[in-house]
N, C-alpha and C. Protein backbone atom coordinates (compact mmCIF):
# COMPACT_ATOMS: atom_id res chain seq x y z
N MET A 1 -6.12 0.69 32.52
CA MET A 1 -4.87 1.26 32.01
C MET A 1 -5.05 2.75 31.83
N SER A 2 -4.23 3.53 32.54
CA SER A 2 -4.28 4.98 32.36
C SER A 2 -3.25 5.33 31.30
N GLY A 3 -3.67 5.22 30.06
CA GLY A 3 -2.71 5.25 28.97
C GLY A 3 -2.50 6.58 28.31
N LYS A 4 -3.23 7.61 28.68
CA LYS A 4 -3.12 8.88 27.97
C LYS A 4 -1.69 9.40 27.95
N ASN A 5 -0.92 9.12 29.02
CA ASN A 5 0.45 9.63 29.11
C ASN A 5 1.50 8.64 28.67
N LEU A 6 1.06 7.46 28.19
CA LEU A 6 2.01 6.45 27.74
C LEU A 6 2.73 6.91 26.47
N SER A 7 4.01 6.59 26.40
CA SER A 7 4.75 6.86 25.17
C SER A 7 4.27 5.87 24.11
N ASP A 8 4.55 6.18 22.85
CA ASP A 8 4.18 5.27 21.77
C ASP A 8 4.86 3.91 21.93
N GLU A 9 6.11 3.92 22.42
CA GLU A 9 6.85 2.67 22.60
C GLU A 9 6.18 1.78 23.64
N ALA A 10 5.78 2.38 24.75
CA ALA A 10 5.09 1.62 25.81
C ALA A 10 3.74 1.13 25.31
N LEU A 11 3.07 1.98 24.57
CA LEU A 11 1.78 1.61 24.00
C LEU A 11 1.94 0.42 23.05
N TRP A 12 2.95 0.46 22.20
CA TRP A 12 3.19 -0.63 21.25
C TRP A 12 3.51 -1.93 21.98
N SER A 13 4.30 -1.82 23.03
CA SER A 13 4.63 -3.01 23.82
C SER A 13 3.36 -3.64 24.40
N SER A 14 2.46 -2.82 24.90
CA SER A 14 1.19 -3.32 25.44
C SER A 14 0.32 -3.94 24.36
N ILE A 15 0.30 -3.31 23.20
CA ILE A 15 -0.51 -3.83 22.08
C ILE A 15 0.03 -5.19 21.66
N ARG A 16 1.34 -5.32 21.59
CA ARG A 16 1.94 -6.61 21.19
C ARG A 16 1.67 -7.70 22.21
N SER A 17 1.29 -7.29 23.43
CA SER A 17 0.90 -8.26 24.47
C SER A 17 -0.61 -8.46 24.49
N ASP A 18 -1.27 -8.13 23.39
CA ASP A 18 -2.73 -8.31 23.22
C ASP A 18 -3.57 -7.44 24.15
N ASN A 19 -3.08 -6.27 24.50
CA ASN A 19 -3.82 -5.36 25.35
C ASN A 19 -4.79 -4.53 24.49
N VAL A 20 -6.06 -4.85 24.58
CA VAL A 20 -7.09 -4.20 23.76
C VAL A 20 -7.22 -2.72 24.13
N ALA A 21 -7.11 -2.42 25.42
CA ALA A 21 -7.23 -1.01 25.85
C ALA A 21 -6.11 -0.17 25.24
N ALA A 22 -4.91 -0.73 25.16
CA ALA A 22 -3.79 0.00 24.55
C ALA A 22 -4.07 0.22 23.07
N PHE A 23 -4.61 -0.78 22.42
CA PHE A 23 -4.94 -0.64 21.00
C PHE A 23 -6.00 0.44 20.80
N GLU A 24 -7.01 0.46 21.65
CA GLU A 24 -8.05 1.50 21.56
C GLU A 24 -7.44 2.89 21.74
N LEU A 25 -6.46 2.99 22.63
CA LEU A 25 -5.78 4.27 22.84
C LEU A 25 -5.00 4.67 21.59
N LEU A 26 -4.34 3.70 20.96
CA LEU A 26 -3.63 3.96 19.70
C LEU A 26 -4.59 4.50 18.64
N VAL A 27 -5.73 3.85 18.51
CA VAL A 27 -6.73 4.29 17.54
C VAL A 27 -7.19 5.71 17.87
N GLU A 28 -7.47 5.94 19.13
CA GLU A 28 -7.92 7.28 19.55
C GLU A 28 -6.85 8.34 19.27
N ARG A 29 -5.61 7.98 19.48
CA ARG A 29 -4.50 8.92 19.33
C ARG A 29 -4.22 9.25 17.86
N TYR A 30 -4.35 8.26 16.95
CA TYR A 30 -3.89 8.46 15.57
C TYR A 30 -4.96 8.30 14.49
N TRP A 31 -6.18 7.96 14.85
CA TRP A 31 -7.20 7.70 13.82
C TRP A 31 -7.41 8.93 12.94
N GLU A 32 -7.50 10.09 13.55
CA GLU A 32 -7.76 11.31 12.78
C GLU A 32 -6.64 11.60 11.78
N ALA A 33 -5.39 11.37 12.16
CA ALA A 33 -4.27 11.61 11.25
C ALA A 33 -4.35 10.69 10.04
N VAL A 34 -4.71 9.43 10.27
CA VAL A 34 -4.83 8.47 9.16
C VAL A 34 -6.00 8.86 8.27
N TYR A 35 -7.13 9.17 8.89
CA TYR A 35 -8.32 9.57 8.13
C TYR A 35 -8.03 10.81 7.29
N THR A 36 -7.40 11.81 7.90
CA THR A 36 -7.10 13.07 7.20
C THR A 36 -6.16 12.83 6.02
N THR A 37 -5.17 11.98 6.22
CA THR A 37 -4.24 11.67 5.13
C THR A 37 -5.00 11.06 3.95
N ALA A 38 -5.83 10.06 4.23
CA ALA A 38 -6.59 9.40 3.16
C ALA A 38 -7.56 10.37 2.51
N TYR A 39 -8.23 11.17 3.31
CA TYR A 39 -9.22 12.10 2.77
C TYR A 39 -8.57 13.17 1.90
N SER A 40 -7.36 13.59 2.27
CA SER A 40 -6.70 14.65 1.50
C SER A 40 -6.40 14.20 0.07
N TYR A 41 -6.23 12.89 -0.14
CA TYR A 41 -5.98 12.38 -1.48
C TYR A 41 -7.27 12.04 -2.23
N LEU A 42 -8.22 11.44 -1.52
CA LEU A 42 -9.40 10.90 -2.19
C LEU A 42 -10.62 11.82 -2.18
N GLU A 43 -10.68 12.69 -1.16
CA GLU A 43 -11.84 13.56 -0.95
C GLU A 43 -13.13 12.75 -0.96
N ASP A 44 -13.10 11.62 -0.29
CA ASP A 44 -14.24 10.73 -0.16
C ASP A 44 -14.26 10.24 1.29
N ARG A 45 -15.25 10.73 2.05
CA ARG A 45 -15.30 10.42 3.48
C ARG A 45 -15.40 8.92 3.75
N ASP A 46 -16.27 8.23 3.01
CA ASP A 46 -16.47 6.81 3.25
C ASP A 46 -15.19 6.01 2.98
N LEU A 47 -14.54 6.30 1.86
CA LEU A 47 -13.30 5.59 1.55
C LEU A 47 -12.20 5.92 2.56
N ALA A 48 -12.13 7.17 2.97
CA ALA A 48 -11.12 7.57 3.96
C ALA A 48 -11.36 6.85 5.29
N MET A 49 -12.62 6.72 5.69
CA MET A 49 -12.94 5.99 6.92
C MET A 49 -12.59 4.51 6.77
N GLU A 50 -12.88 3.95 5.62
CA GLU A 50 -12.56 2.55 5.36
C GLU A 50 -11.05 2.31 5.43
N ILE A 51 -10.30 3.21 4.83
CA ILE A 51 -8.84 3.10 4.86
C ILE A 51 -8.32 3.20 6.29
N ALA A 52 -8.83 4.17 7.04
CA ALA A 52 -8.40 4.33 8.43
C ALA A 52 -8.69 3.06 9.23
N ASN A 53 -9.90 2.54 9.08
CA ASN A 53 -10.26 1.32 9.82
C ASN A 53 -9.42 0.13 9.38
N ASP A 54 -9.22 -0.02 8.08
CA ASP A 54 -8.40 -1.13 7.56
C ASP A 54 -6.96 -1.04 8.06
N THR A 55 -6.44 0.18 8.12
CA THR A 55 -5.07 0.39 8.57
C THR A 55 -4.90 -0.09 10.01
N PHE A 56 -5.83 0.29 10.88
CA PHE A 56 -5.72 -0.13 12.27
C PHE A 56 -6.00 -1.62 12.45
N MET A 57 -6.94 -2.16 11.68
CA MET A 57 -7.20 -3.60 11.77
C MET A 57 -5.97 -4.39 11.34
N SER A 58 -5.30 -3.91 10.33
CA SER A 58 -4.08 -4.57 9.85
C SER A 58 -3.01 -4.57 10.94
N ILE A 59 -2.88 -3.47 11.65
CA ILE A 59 -1.91 -3.40 12.74
C ILE A 59 -2.25 -4.42 13.82
N TRP A 60 -3.52 -4.49 14.19
CA TRP A 60 -3.92 -5.44 15.23
C TRP A 60 -3.64 -6.88 14.79
N GLN A 61 -3.98 -7.17 13.55
CA GLN A 61 -3.81 -8.53 13.04
C GLN A 61 -2.33 -8.91 12.88
N LYS A 62 -1.49 -7.94 12.57
CA LYS A 62 -0.07 -8.23 12.31
C LYS A 62 0.84 -7.77 13.44
N LYS A 63 0.28 -7.48 14.60
CA LYS A 63 1.06 -6.90 15.69
C LYS A 63 2.25 -7.74 16.12
N GLY A 64 2.15 -9.05 15.95
CA GLY A 64 3.25 -9.92 16.33
C GLY A 64 4.42 -9.88 15.36
N HIS A 65 4.19 -9.37 14.15
CA HIS A 65 5.21 -9.38 13.11
C HIS A 65 5.75 -8.00 12.76
N LEU A 66 5.06 -6.97 13.18
CA LEU A 66 5.46 -5.61 12.78
C LEU A 66 6.51 -5.04 13.73
N ASN A 67 7.40 -4.26 13.16
CA ASN A 67 8.36 -3.48 13.95
C ASN A 67 8.13 -2.02 13.60
N ILE A 68 7.48 -1.31 14.49
CA ILE A 68 7.11 0.08 14.22
C ILE A 68 7.91 0.98 15.15
N SER A 69 8.67 1.89 14.56
CA SER A 69 9.45 2.81 15.39
C SER A 69 8.74 4.15 15.54
N SER A 70 7.93 4.53 14.57
CA SER A 70 7.18 5.79 14.64
C SER A 70 5.76 5.53 14.15
N PHE A 71 4.81 5.55 15.08
CA PHE A 71 3.43 5.27 14.70
C PHE A 71 2.91 6.26 13.67
N LYS A 72 3.14 7.52 13.90
CA LYS A 72 2.58 8.52 12.99
C LYS A 72 3.10 8.31 11.57
N ALA A 73 4.40 8.10 11.43
CA ALA A 73 4.98 7.89 10.09
C ALA A 73 4.45 6.59 9.48
N TYR A 74 4.42 5.52 10.28
CA TYR A 74 3.95 4.23 9.77
C TYR A 74 2.49 4.33 9.32
N LEU A 75 1.66 4.94 10.16
CA LEU A 75 0.23 4.99 9.87
C LEU A 75 -0.08 5.87 8.66
N THR A 76 0.55 7.02 8.56
CA THR A 76 0.25 7.88 7.42
C THR A 76 0.81 7.27 6.13
N THR A 77 1.96 6.59 6.21
CA THR A 77 2.49 5.90 5.03
C THR A 77 1.56 4.77 4.62
N SER A 78 1.07 4.03 5.59
CA SER A 78 0.14 2.94 5.31
C SER A 78 -1.14 3.49 4.66
N ALA A 79 -1.62 4.61 5.16
CA ALA A 79 -2.82 5.23 4.58
C ALA A 79 -2.55 5.64 3.14
N ARG A 80 -1.38 6.24 2.88
CA ARG A 80 -1.05 6.64 1.51
C ARG A 80 -0.93 5.41 0.60
N TYR A 81 -0.40 4.33 1.13
CA TYR A 81 -0.31 3.10 0.34
C TYR A 81 -1.70 2.62 -0.07
N HIS A 82 -2.64 2.62 0.88
CA HIS A 82 -4.02 2.21 0.56
C HIS A 82 -4.64 3.16 -0.47
N VAL A 83 -4.33 4.44 -0.34
CA VAL A 83 -4.85 5.43 -1.31
C VAL A 83 -4.29 5.14 -2.69
N TYR A 84 -2.97 4.91 -2.78
CA TYR A 84 -2.36 4.61 -4.08
C TYR A 84 -3.00 3.38 -4.70
N LYS A 85 -3.26 2.39 -3.86
CA LYS A 85 -3.88 1.15 -4.34
C LYS A 85 -5.26 1.43 -4.92
N ILE A 86 -6.04 2.23 -4.23
CA ILE A 86 -7.39 2.57 -4.71
C ILE A 86 -7.31 3.39 -5.99
N LEU A 87 -6.42 4.37 -6.03
CA LEU A 87 -6.28 5.20 -7.23
C LEU A 87 -5.84 4.36 -8.43
N ARG A 88 -4.94 3.42 -8.18
CA ARG A 88 -4.48 2.55 -9.25
C ARG A 88 -5.62 1.66 -9.76
N GLU A 89 -6.41 1.12 -8.83
CA GLU A 89 -7.55 0.28 -9.22
C GLU A 89 -8.57 1.08 -10.03
N ARG A 90 -8.76 2.32 -9.65
CA ARG A 90 -9.69 3.16 -10.41
C ARG A 90 -9.22 3.35 -11.84
N LYS A 91 -7.89 3.45 -12.01
CA LYS A 91 -7.34 3.61 -13.36
C LYS A 91 -7.46 2.33 -14.17
N THR A 92 -7.23 1.17 -13.54
CA THR A 92 -7.14 -0.07 -14.30
C THR A 92 -8.45 -0.81 -14.47
N LEU A 93 -9.37 -0.64 -13.56
CA LEU A 93 -10.61 -1.41 -13.65
C LEU A 93 -11.70 -0.60 -14.35
N ARG A 94 -11.90 -0.88 -15.58
CA ARG A 94 -12.97 -0.27 -16.35
C ARG A 94 -13.84 -1.40 -16.89
N LEU A 95 -14.97 -1.64 -16.24
CA LEU A 95 -15.86 -2.71 -16.64
C LEU A 95 -16.95 -2.16 -17.54
N ALA A 96 -17.33 -2.95 -18.50
CA ALA A 96 -18.40 -2.53 -19.40
C ALA A 96 -19.40 -3.68 -19.55
N TYR A 97 -20.66 -3.35 -19.59
CA TYR A 97 -21.71 -4.34 -19.79
C TYR A 97 -21.82 -4.63 -21.28
N VAL A 98 -21.83 -5.91 -21.60
CA VAL A 98 -21.95 -6.33 -22.98
C VAL A 98 -23.24 -7.13 -23.12
N ALA A 99 -24.18 -6.62 -23.90
CA ALA A 99 -25.48 -7.27 -24.06
C ALA A 99 -25.37 -8.51 -24.93
N ASP A 100 -24.58 -8.45 -26.00
CA ASP A 100 -24.49 -9.57 -26.93
C ASP A 100 -23.07 -10.11 -26.93
N TYR A 101 -22.72 -10.85 -25.89
CA TYR A 101 -21.38 -11.37 -25.74
C TYR A 101 -20.99 -12.28 -26.90
N ASP A 102 -21.92 -13.14 -27.34
CA ASP A 102 -21.62 -14.07 -28.43
C ASP A 102 -21.38 -13.35 -29.75
N GLY A 103 -21.94 -12.18 -29.90
CA GLY A 103 -21.82 -11.45 -31.16
C GLY A 103 -20.52 -10.66 -31.28
N LEU A 104 -19.70 -10.65 -30.25
CA LEU A 104 -18.46 -9.89 -30.32
C LEU A 104 -17.42 -10.72 -31.07
N SER A 105 -17.05 -10.26 -32.24
CA SER A 105 -16.16 -11.04 -33.09
C SER A 105 -14.70 -11.01 -32.62
N TYR A 106 -14.31 -9.99 -31.89
CA TYR A 106 -12.91 -9.89 -31.51
C TYR A 106 -12.57 -10.75 -30.29
N LEU A 107 -13.57 -11.35 -29.66
CA LEU A 107 -13.29 -12.23 -28.53
C LEU A 107 -13.16 -13.66 -29.04
N ASN A 108 -12.15 -14.34 -28.61
CA ASN A 108 -12.02 -15.75 -28.96
C ASN A 108 -11.33 -16.49 -27.84
N ALA A 109 -11.24 -17.80 -27.96
CA ALA A 109 -10.66 -18.63 -26.90
C ALA A 109 -9.17 -18.36 -26.74
N GLN A 110 -8.51 -17.90 -27.78
CA GLN A 110 -7.08 -17.68 -27.72
C GLN A 110 -6.72 -16.43 -26.90
N HIS A 111 -7.62 -15.46 -26.87
CA HIS A 111 -7.29 -14.17 -26.25
C HIS A 111 -8.45 -13.73 -25.37
N ASN A 112 -8.33 -13.93 -24.10
CA ASN A 112 -9.39 -13.57 -23.17
C ASN A 112 -8.87 -12.46 -22.25
N GLU A 113 -9.31 -11.25 -22.52
CA GLU A 113 -8.82 -10.10 -21.74
C GLU A 113 -9.26 -10.18 -20.29
N GLY A 114 -10.43 -10.78 -20.04
CA GLY A 114 -10.90 -10.92 -18.66
C GLY A 114 -9.96 -11.78 -17.84
N GLU A 115 -9.54 -12.91 -18.40
CA GLU A 115 -8.59 -13.78 -17.69
C GLU A 115 -7.26 -13.08 -17.50
N GLU A 116 -6.81 -12.36 -18.52
CA GLU A 116 -5.55 -11.62 -18.39
C GLU A 116 -5.65 -10.58 -17.28
N LYS A 117 -6.78 -9.90 -17.19
CA LYS A 117 -6.98 -8.89 -16.15
C LYS A 117 -6.95 -9.53 -14.76
N ILE A 118 -7.59 -10.71 -14.64
CA ILE A 118 -7.60 -11.40 -13.35
C ILE A 118 -6.18 -11.83 -12.98
N ARG A 119 -5.45 -12.38 -13.94
CA ARG A 119 -4.07 -12.78 -13.69
C ARG A 119 -3.24 -11.56 -13.27
N TYR A 120 -3.43 -10.47 -13.98
CA TYR A 120 -2.70 -9.24 -13.67
C TYR A 120 -3.02 -8.78 -12.24
N LEU A 121 -4.31 -8.79 -11.88
CA LEU A 121 -4.71 -8.34 -10.55
C LEU A 121 -4.16 -9.27 -9.46
N ASN A 122 -4.13 -10.58 -9.74
CA ASN A 122 -3.55 -11.53 -8.78
C ASN A 122 -2.06 -11.26 -8.59
N LEU A 123 -1.36 -11.04 -9.69
CA LEU A 123 0.07 -10.73 -9.59
C LEU A 123 0.30 -9.41 -8.86
N LYS A 124 -0.56 -8.45 -9.15
CA LYS A 124 -0.46 -7.15 -8.50
C LYS A 124 -0.63 -7.30 -7.00
N SER A 125 -1.57 -8.16 -6.61
CA SER A 125 -1.81 -8.42 -5.19
C SER A 125 -0.57 -9.05 -4.55
N GLU A 126 0.09 -9.97 -5.25
CA GLU A 126 1.32 -10.58 -4.73
C GLU A 126 2.41 -9.53 -4.56
N ILE A 127 2.50 -8.62 -5.52
CA ILE A 127 3.49 -7.55 -5.42
C ILE A 127 3.19 -6.67 -4.21
N GLU A 128 1.92 -6.35 -4.01
CA GLU A 128 1.55 -5.51 -2.88
C GLU A 128 1.89 -6.19 -1.56
N GLU A 129 1.70 -7.51 -1.49
CA GLU A 129 2.09 -8.24 -0.28
C GLU A 129 3.60 -8.15 -0.08
N ALA A 130 4.35 -8.32 -1.16
CA ALA A 130 5.81 -8.23 -1.06
C ALA A 130 6.22 -6.83 -0.63
N LEU A 131 5.52 -5.81 -1.12
CA LEU A 131 5.85 -4.43 -0.76
C LEU A 131 5.65 -4.17 0.73
N GLN A 132 4.69 -4.87 1.35
CA GLN A 132 4.43 -4.66 2.77
C GLN A 132 5.65 -5.01 3.63
N ALA A 133 6.51 -5.89 3.12
CA ALA A 133 7.69 -6.30 3.88
C ALA A 133 8.81 -5.26 3.83
N LEU A 134 8.72 -4.32 2.90
CA LEU A 134 9.75 -3.26 2.80
C LEU A 134 9.61 -2.27 3.94
N PRO A 135 10.69 -1.61 4.33
CA PRO A 135 10.56 -0.52 5.32
C PRO A 135 9.60 0.54 4.78
N ALA A 136 8.89 1.19 5.68
CA ALA A 136 7.83 2.13 5.29
C ALA A 136 8.31 3.20 4.32
N ARG A 137 9.44 3.82 4.60
CA ARG A 137 9.93 4.90 3.74
C ARG A 137 10.31 4.37 2.36
N CYS A 138 10.95 3.22 2.32
CA CYS A 138 11.35 2.60 1.05
C CYS A 138 10.11 2.28 0.22
N ARG A 139 9.09 1.71 0.87
CA ARG A 139 7.83 1.38 0.19
C ARG A 139 7.17 2.65 -0.35
N GLU A 140 7.14 3.69 0.47
CA GLU A 140 6.51 4.94 0.05
C GLU A 140 7.20 5.52 -1.19
N ILE A 141 8.53 5.52 -1.18
CA ILE A 141 9.29 6.06 -2.31
C ILE A 141 9.04 5.23 -3.56
N PHE A 142 9.05 3.90 -3.41
CA PHE A 142 8.79 3.02 -4.56
C PHE A 142 7.40 3.27 -5.13
N LEU A 143 6.40 3.40 -4.26
CA LEU A 143 5.03 3.62 -4.73
C LEU A 143 4.88 4.98 -5.40
N LEU A 144 5.52 5.99 -4.85
CA LEU A 144 5.47 7.30 -5.49
C LEU A 144 6.11 7.25 -6.88
N SER A 145 7.17 6.47 -7.00
CA SER A 145 7.87 6.36 -8.27
C SER A 145 7.07 5.56 -9.28
N ARG A 146 6.62 4.39 -8.89
CA ARG A 146 6.00 3.47 -9.85
C ARG A 146 4.50 3.69 -10.02
N LEU A 147 3.80 3.89 -8.91
CA LEU A 147 2.35 4.08 -9.04
C LEU A 147 1.99 5.55 -9.17
N GLY A 148 2.70 6.39 -8.45
CA GLY A 148 2.44 7.81 -8.53
C GLY A 148 3.07 8.45 -9.75
N GLU A 149 3.98 7.71 -10.39
CA GLU A 149 4.65 8.14 -11.61
C GLU A 149 5.37 9.48 -11.45
N LEU A 150 5.97 9.67 -10.26
CA LEU A 150 6.75 10.87 -10.01
C LEU A 150 8.21 10.60 -10.37
N THR A 151 8.91 11.63 -10.78
CA THR A 151 10.34 11.49 -11.05
C THR A 151 11.09 11.45 -9.72
N ASN A 152 12.34 11.02 -9.76
CA ASN A 152 13.14 10.98 -8.54
C ASN A 152 13.28 12.38 -7.93
N THR A 153 13.43 13.38 -8.77
CA THR A 153 13.54 14.75 -8.29
C THR A 153 12.25 15.20 -7.61
N GLU A 154 11.11 14.87 -8.21
CA GLU A 154 9.82 15.23 -7.61
C GLU A 154 9.62 14.55 -6.26
N ILE A 155 10.02 13.28 -6.18
CA ILE A 155 9.90 12.55 -4.92
C ILE A 155 10.79 13.18 -3.86
N ALA A 156 12.03 13.49 -4.24
CA ALA A 156 12.97 14.11 -3.30
C ALA A 156 12.40 15.42 -2.76
N GLU A 157 11.83 16.24 -3.64
CA GLU A 157 11.25 17.51 -3.21
C GLU A 157 10.04 17.29 -2.31
N LYS A 158 9.19 16.35 -2.70
CA LYS A 158 7.95 16.08 -1.95
C LYS A 158 8.25 15.59 -0.53
N LEU A 159 9.29 14.74 -0.39
CA LEU A 159 9.61 14.14 0.91
C LEU A 159 10.75 14.85 1.63
N SER A 160 11.27 15.92 1.03
CA SER A 160 12.37 16.69 1.62
C SER A 160 13.59 15.81 1.92
N ILE A 161 13.97 15.02 0.92
CA ILE A 161 15.17 14.18 1.02
C ILE A 161 15.98 14.38 -0.24
N SER A 162 17.19 13.81 -0.26
CA SER A 162 18.04 13.99 -1.44
C SER A 162 17.60 13.05 -2.56
N LYS A 163 17.93 13.45 -3.77
CA LYS A 163 17.63 12.63 -4.94
C LYS A 163 18.38 11.31 -4.85
N ARG A 164 19.59 11.33 -4.33
CA ARG A 164 20.40 10.11 -4.18
C ARG A 164 19.72 9.12 -3.23
N THR A 165 19.12 9.63 -2.16
CA THR A 165 18.39 8.78 -1.23
C THR A 165 17.23 8.11 -1.93
N VAL A 166 16.53 8.87 -2.76
CA VAL A 166 15.41 8.31 -3.52
C VAL A 166 15.92 7.19 -4.42
N GLU A 167 17.00 7.44 -5.14
CA GLU A 167 17.56 6.43 -6.04
C GLU A 167 17.97 5.17 -5.28
N ASN A 168 18.60 5.35 -4.12
CA ASN A 168 19.02 4.20 -3.30
C ASN A 168 17.82 3.39 -2.83
N GLN A 169 16.77 4.08 -2.37
CA GLN A 169 15.60 3.38 -1.86
C GLN A 169 14.87 2.62 -2.97
N ILE A 170 14.82 3.19 -4.16
CA ILE A 170 14.19 2.50 -5.29
C ILE A 170 15.01 1.27 -5.66
N SER A 171 16.34 1.38 -5.63
CA SER A 171 17.20 0.23 -5.91
C SER A 171 17.00 -0.88 -4.89
N ILE A 172 16.89 -0.52 -3.63
CA ILE A 172 16.65 -1.50 -2.57
C ILE A 172 15.33 -2.21 -2.82
N ALA A 173 14.30 -1.45 -3.14
CA ALA A 173 12.98 -2.05 -3.41
C ALA A 173 13.04 -2.98 -4.61
N HIS A 174 13.71 -2.58 -5.67
CA HIS A 174 13.84 -3.43 -6.87
C HIS A 174 14.51 -4.75 -6.53
N ARG A 175 15.66 -4.66 -5.84
CA ARG A 175 16.39 -5.88 -5.49
C ARG A 175 15.53 -6.80 -4.64
N TYR A 176 14.87 -6.22 -3.64
CA TYR A 176 14.05 -7.04 -2.75
C TYR A 176 12.92 -7.72 -3.53
N LEU A 177 12.23 -6.96 -4.35
CA LEU A 177 11.10 -7.52 -5.09
C LEU A 177 11.56 -8.58 -6.09
N GLN A 178 12.68 -8.37 -6.74
CA GLN A 178 13.17 -9.36 -7.68
C GLN A 178 13.61 -10.63 -6.97
N GLN A 179 14.21 -10.50 -5.82
CA GLN A 179 14.67 -11.67 -5.07
C GLN A 179 13.52 -12.44 -4.45
N ASN A 180 12.41 -11.77 -4.21
CA ASN A 180 11.30 -12.41 -3.51
C ASN A 180 10.08 -12.66 -4.39
N SER A 181 10.26 -12.58 -5.71
CA SER A 181 9.13 -12.87 -6.60
C SER A 181 8.87 -14.37 -6.57
N LYS A 182 7.58 -14.74 -6.47
CA LYS A 182 7.19 -16.13 -6.26
C LYS A 182 7.19 -16.96 -7.52
N ASP A 183 6.98 -16.35 -8.66
CA ASP A 183 6.94 -17.14 -9.89
C ASP A 183 7.43 -16.32 -11.07
N ILE A 184 7.53 -16.97 -12.20
CA ILE A 184 8.07 -16.32 -13.40
C ILE A 184 7.19 -15.15 -13.83
N ALA A 185 5.88 -15.35 -13.78
CA ALA A 185 4.97 -14.28 -14.21
C ALA A 185 5.13 -13.05 -13.33
N LEU A 186 5.28 -13.26 -12.02
CA LEU A 186 5.48 -12.14 -11.11
C LEU A 186 6.80 -11.44 -11.42
N GLY A 187 7.82 -12.24 -11.71
CA GLY A 187 9.11 -11.65 -12.08
C GLY A 187 9.01 -10.82 -13.33
N LEU A 188 8.26 -11.31 -14.31
CA LEU A 188 8.09 -10.56 -15.55
C LEU A 188 7.33 -9.26 -15.31
N LEU A 189 6.29 -9.33 -14.49
CA LEU A 189 5.52 -8.12 -14.18
C LEU A 189 6.40 -7.12 -13.45
N LEU A 190 7.22 -7.61 -12.52
CA LEU A 190 8.14 -6.72 -11.82
C LEU A 190 9.12 -6.08 -12.78
N ALA A 191 9.64 -6.87 -13.69
CA ALA A 191 10.57 -6.32 -14.68
C ALA A 191 9.90 -5.22 -15.47
N PHE A 192 8.64 -5.41 -15.81
CA PHE A 192 7.90 -4.40 -16.57
C PHE A 192 7.71 -3.15 -15.72
N MET A 193 7.37 -3.33 -14.42
CA MET A 193 7.14 -2.18 -13.54
C MET A 193 8.43 -1.40 -13.33
N ILE A 194 9.54 -2.11 -13.27
CA ILE A 194 10.82 -1.48 -12.93
C ILE A 194 11.38 -0.66 -14.07
N GLN A 195 11.00 -0.96 -15.29
CA GLN A 195 11.52 -0.22 -16.45
C GLN A 195 11.19 1.24 -16.37
């Protein structure tokens, strides 16, 4: 396959037909953009490489289900999503070694923070799966709002779009996530995130 001159659309069509050479060309064409995006946020070469590799592996694995109109936009948004996920995990996961577990008086069978954290992380994972079904721009705006904790005005300025567009995209994401929540606990967590 002499693919250097192939359009992204032709390349995607070949990839969806399980053409490994086309996929390798996609990686060659866009790997640096994905890596650079991840590195610009994390300033960690290993993590940026991991994100770039995971992003492309995800595309290969989901090629039959994805509808991608712009590779560059999809890939950089996907990289930012992985970055947000890592940054959020860094904020929430603070583990501490406890030498005398039995001696801790504030721990009891009624209140186990470890189990709550695991439940929270499982629900968070379900939300992240649900977010993958949103259009890339809608997902990016929602993540900037909820995980990035940016105001609608800040998001509009950052993405060079109107504040009204930001508000509309966040509303779309809210409705979709509420309609597609799998259980009551996920619905409650979503309600908390949406506030």
